[in-house]
């Protein structure tokens, strides 16, 4: 595709689709993917042989696990913003449970990511980078809360949820539009 054809094709699409296309075709996204491959390679090889990467559900376990993680973290911010002083402990607990849930969620996603290529691989790498950033923001949020810094904990949680929303947009595109959550062993069975 010529650069002009690419620009014309991209300009005719809605902004969210342009963002996906830009991430999928970015050389920087490819560098992120290569770095993640090097950093997580041995761990990915292990998790691909685990129950976190089975075809038991007929689709990837990762999308289902993301609901648990993001649900806890969204609940954290809702309690922070609407719950008052008496909800601080519950918000801290939800932040912690979300962090616990993020471990198998990330592992299942990494195993799925290792099986894709091209633009999907690059989009997945940026998705993972975003979820990693959100996770670190929630680690900071929990640490701040445990040290009595509720306001900082609240701010970090809100930032984490905003980053997770962007990362989730990319992950949703992969799973729902590109079909990366499907398990091929069940395709065609009825």
Protein backbone atom coordinates (compact mmCIF):
# COMPACT_ATOMS: atom_id res chain seq x y z
CA UNK A 1 0.00 0.00 0.00
CA UNK A 2 1.39 3.40 -0.94
CA UNK A 3 1.70 6.07 1.77
CA UNK A 4 -0.96 8.17 0.03
CA UNK A 5 -3.40 5.25 -0.18
CA UNK A 6 -2.77 4.52 3.49
CA UNK A 7 -3.50 8.13 4.51
CA UNK A 8 -6.65 8.28 2.38
CA UNK A 9 -7.85 4.93 3.74
CA UNK A 10 -7.21 5.92 7.31
CA UNK A 11 -8.75 9.40 6.99
CA UNK A 12 -12.06 7.94 5.82
CA UNK A 13 -12.54 5.88 9.00
CA UNK A 14 -13.95 6.93 12.39
CA UNK A 15 -11.39 8.02 14.99
CA UNK A 16 -11.40 4.77 17.04
CA UNK A 17 -10.73 2.73 13.90
CA UNK A 18 -7.95 5.11 12.90
CA UNK A 19 -6.36 4.65 16.30
CA UNK A 20 -6.46 0.85 15.97
CA UNK A 21 -4.98 1.04 12.48
CA UNK A 22 -2.22 3.38 13.63
CA UNK A 23 -1.28 1.09 16.52
CA UNK A 24 -1.37 -2.01 14.32
CA UNK A 25 0.89 -0.49 11.67
CA UNK A 26 3.31 1.35 13.97
CA UNK A 27 7.01 0.43 13.95
CA UNK A 28 7.09 1.52 17.61
CA UNK A 29 4.40 -1.07 18.38
CA UNK A 30 6.61 -3.70 16.76
CA UNK A 31 9.52 -2.67 19.01
CA UNK A 32 7.23 -2.96 22.05
CA UNK A 33 6.21 -6.45 20.90
CA UNK A 34 9.84 -7.55 20.48
CA UNK A 35 10.76 -6.21 23.92
CA UNK A 36 7.85 -8.06 25.51
CA UNK A 37 8.81 -11.25 23.71
CA UNK A 38 12.32 -11.03 25.18
CA UNK A 39 11.14 -10.09 28.66
CA UNK A 40 8.31 -12.60 29.00
CA UNK A 41 9.36 -15.42 26.65
CA UNK A 42 10.11 -18.12 29.25
CA UNK A 43 6.99 -17.26 31.26
CA UNK A 44 4.82 -17.37 28.13
CA UNK A 45 6.16 -20.80 27.21
CA UNK A 46 5.17 -22.09 30.65
CA UNK A 47 1.69 -20.55 30.70
CA UNK A 48 0.89 -21.91 27.23
CA UNK A 49 1.04 -25.39 28.78
CA UNK A 50 -1.14 -24.42 31.77
CA UNK A 51 -4.89 -24.39 32.42
CA UNK A 52 -4.86 -20.63 31.80
CA UNK A 53 -4.47 -21.43 28.11
CA UNK A 54 -6.90 -24.29 27.62
CA UNK A 55 -9.83 -24.62 25.24
CA UNK A 56 -12.18 -25.69 28.03
CA UNK A 57 -14.49 -22.72 27.46
CA UNK A 58 -14.31 -22.84 23.67
CA UNK A 59 -12.62 -19.45 23.76
CA UNK A 60 -9.77 -17.83 25.59
CA UNK A 61 -10.02 -17.54 29.36
CA UNK A 62 -8.40 -14.08 29.22
CA UNK A 63 -11.52 -12.02 28.31
CA UNK A 64 -13.50 -13.56 31.16
CA UNK A 65 -10.72 -12.86 33.65
CA UNK A 66 -10.50 -9.22 32.54
CA UNK A 67 -14.05 -8.71 33.83
CA UNK A 68 -12.94 -9.68 37.32
CA UNK A 69 -9.87 -7.44 37.30
CA UNK A 70 -11.53 -4.38 35.78
CA UNK A 71 -14.67 -4.88 37.85
CA UNK A 72 -12.66 -4.72 41.07
CA UNK A 73 -10.78 -1.66 39.90
CA UNK A 74 -13.87 0.16 38.68
CA UNK A 75 -15.54 -0.65 42.00
CA UNK A 76 -12.52 0.83 43.77
CA UNK A 77 -12.97 4.16 42.02
CA UNK A 78 -16.73 4.17 42.47
CA UNK A 79 -16.30 3.69 46.21
CA UNK A 80 -13.60 6.36 46.29
CA UNK A 81 -15.71 8.90 44.48
CA UNK A 82 -19.15 8.16 45.93
CA UNK A 83 -18.71 6.08 49.06
CA UNK A 84 -17.39 8.55 51.61
CA UNK A 85 -15.02 7.91 54.50
CA UNK A 86 -16.61 4.62 55.52
CA UNK A 87 -15.86 3.03 52.13
CA UNK A 88 -12.09 3.54 52.21
CA UNK A 89 -11.33 0.05 53.56
CA UNK A 90 -13.60 -1.58 50.98
CA UNK A 91 -11.97 0.44 48.19
CA UNK A 92 -8.52 -0.71 49.34
CA UNK A 93 -9.71 -4.33 49.44
CA UNK A 94 -11.12 -4.10 45.91
CA UNK A 95 -7.87 -2.55 44.65
CA UNK A 96 -5.97 -5.47 46.20
CA UNK A 97 -8.34 -8.11 44.85
CA UNK A 98 -8.03 -6.53 41.41
CA UNK A 99 -4.26 -6.80 41.65
CA UNK A 100 -4.52 -10.47 42.62
CA UNK A 101 -6.87 -11.12 39.70
CA UNK A 102 -4.56 -9.27 37.32
CA UNK A 103 -1.90 -11.99 37.58
CA UNK A 104 -3.82 -14.88 35.98
CA UNK A 105 -5.50 -12.38 33.64
CA UNK A 106 -2.14 -11.18 32.34
CA UNK A 107 -0.74 -14.69 32.09
CA UNK A 108 -3.72 -15.94 30.08
CA UNK A 109 -3.50 -12.91 27.80
CA UNK A 110 0.24 -13.36 27.26
CA UNK A 111 -0.26 -16.97 26.23
CA UNK A 112 -2.92 -15.92 23.72
CA UNK A 113 -0.71 -13.10 22.44
CA UNK A 114 2.13 -15.50 21.71
CA UNK A 115 -0.04 -17.20 19.07
CA UNK A 116 -0.87 -14.13 16.98
CA UNK A 117 1.18 -12.23 14.43
CA UNK A 118 1.25 -9.10 12.32
CA UNK A 119 -0.93 -6.14 13.22
CA UNK A 120 -2.78 -8.20 15.84
CA UNK A 121 0.52 -8.92 17.60
CA UNK A 122 1.42 -5.23 17.62
CA UNK A 123 -2.03 -4.20 18.89
CA UNK A 124 -1.77 -6.89 21.57
CA UNK A 125 1.64 -5.63 22.63
CA UNK A 126 0.33 -2.09 23.12
CA UNK A 127 -2.72 -3.51 24.93
CA UNK A 128 -0.38 -5.38 27.29
CA UNK A 129 1.77 -2.30 27.83
CA UNK A 130 -1.36 -0.36 28.79
CA UNK A 131 -2.56 -3.05 31.18
CA UNK A 132 0.91 -3.21 32.74
CA UNK A 133 0.84 0.57 33.25
CA UNK A 134 -2.64 0.37 34.81
CA UNK A 135 -1.46 -2.44 37.09
CA UNK A 136 1.48 -0.35 38.30
CA UNK A 137 -0.87 2.57 38.94
CA UNK A 138 -3.04 0.29 41.08
CA UNK A 139 0.01 -1.02 42.95
CA UNK A 140 0.83 2.61 43.72
CA UNK A 141 -2.79 3.22 44.70
CA UNK A 142 -2.81 0.31 47.13
CA UNK A 143 0.55 1.29 48.65
CA UNK A 144 -0.64 4.88 49.09
CA UNK A 145 -3.84 3.68 50.79
CA UNK A 146 -1.94 1.37 53.13
CA UNK A 147 0.25 4.32 54.12
CA UNK A 148 -2.77 6.51 54.85
CA UNK A 149 -2.68 8.47 51.58
CA UNK A 150 -6.28 7.96 50.53
CA UNK A 151 -6.35 10.99 48.23
CA UNK A 152 -3.24 9.87 46.33
CA UNK A 153 -4.63 6.32 46.25
CA UNK A 154 -7.85 7.64 44.74
CA UNK A 155 -6.02 9.69 42.11
CA UNK A 156 -3.81 6.75 41.11
CA UNK A 157 -6.86 4.47 40.88
CA UNK A 158 -8.71 6.91 38.62
CA UNK A 159 -5.60 7.19 36.43
CA UNK A 160 -5.32 3.39 36.38
CA UNK A 161 -8.93 3.05 35.28
CA UNK A 162 -8.45 5.58 32.49
CA UNK A 163 -5.37 3.76 31.21
CA UNK A 164 -7.20 0.44 31.53
CA UNK A 165 -10.10 1.80 29.47
CA UNK A 166 -7.72 2.56 26.61
CA UNK A 167 -6.00 -0.81 26.93
CA UNK A 168 -9.38 -2.53 27.14
CA UNK A 169 -10.46 -0.83 23.92
CA UNK A 170 -7.50 -2.42 22.14
CA UNK A 171 -8.10 -5.81 23.79
CA UNK A 172 -11.79 -5.71 22.95
CA UNK A 173 -10.94 -4.99 19.33
CA UNK A 174 -8.67 -8.04 19.23
CA UNK A 175 -11.14 -10.39 20.89
CA UNK A 176 -14.38 -9.20 19.32
CA UNK A 177 -13.46 -7.79 15.93
CA UNK A 178 -10.39 -9.82 15.06
CA UNK A 179 -11.54 -12.99 16.82
CA UNK A 180 -8.29 -13.68 18.65
CA UNK A 181 -10.14 -15.15 21.65
CA UNK A 182 -11.54 -18.03 19.58
CA UNK A 183 -10.15 -21.49 20.02
CA UNK A 184 -9.67 -23.16 16.65
CA UNK A 185 -10.17 -26.65 18.04
CA UNK A 186 -13.88 -25.90 18.45
CA UNK A 187 -14.51 -23.94 15.24
CA UNK A 188 -16.98 -25.78 13.04
CA UNK A 189 -18.41 -27.98 15.81
CA UNK A 190 -22.14 -27.70 16.45
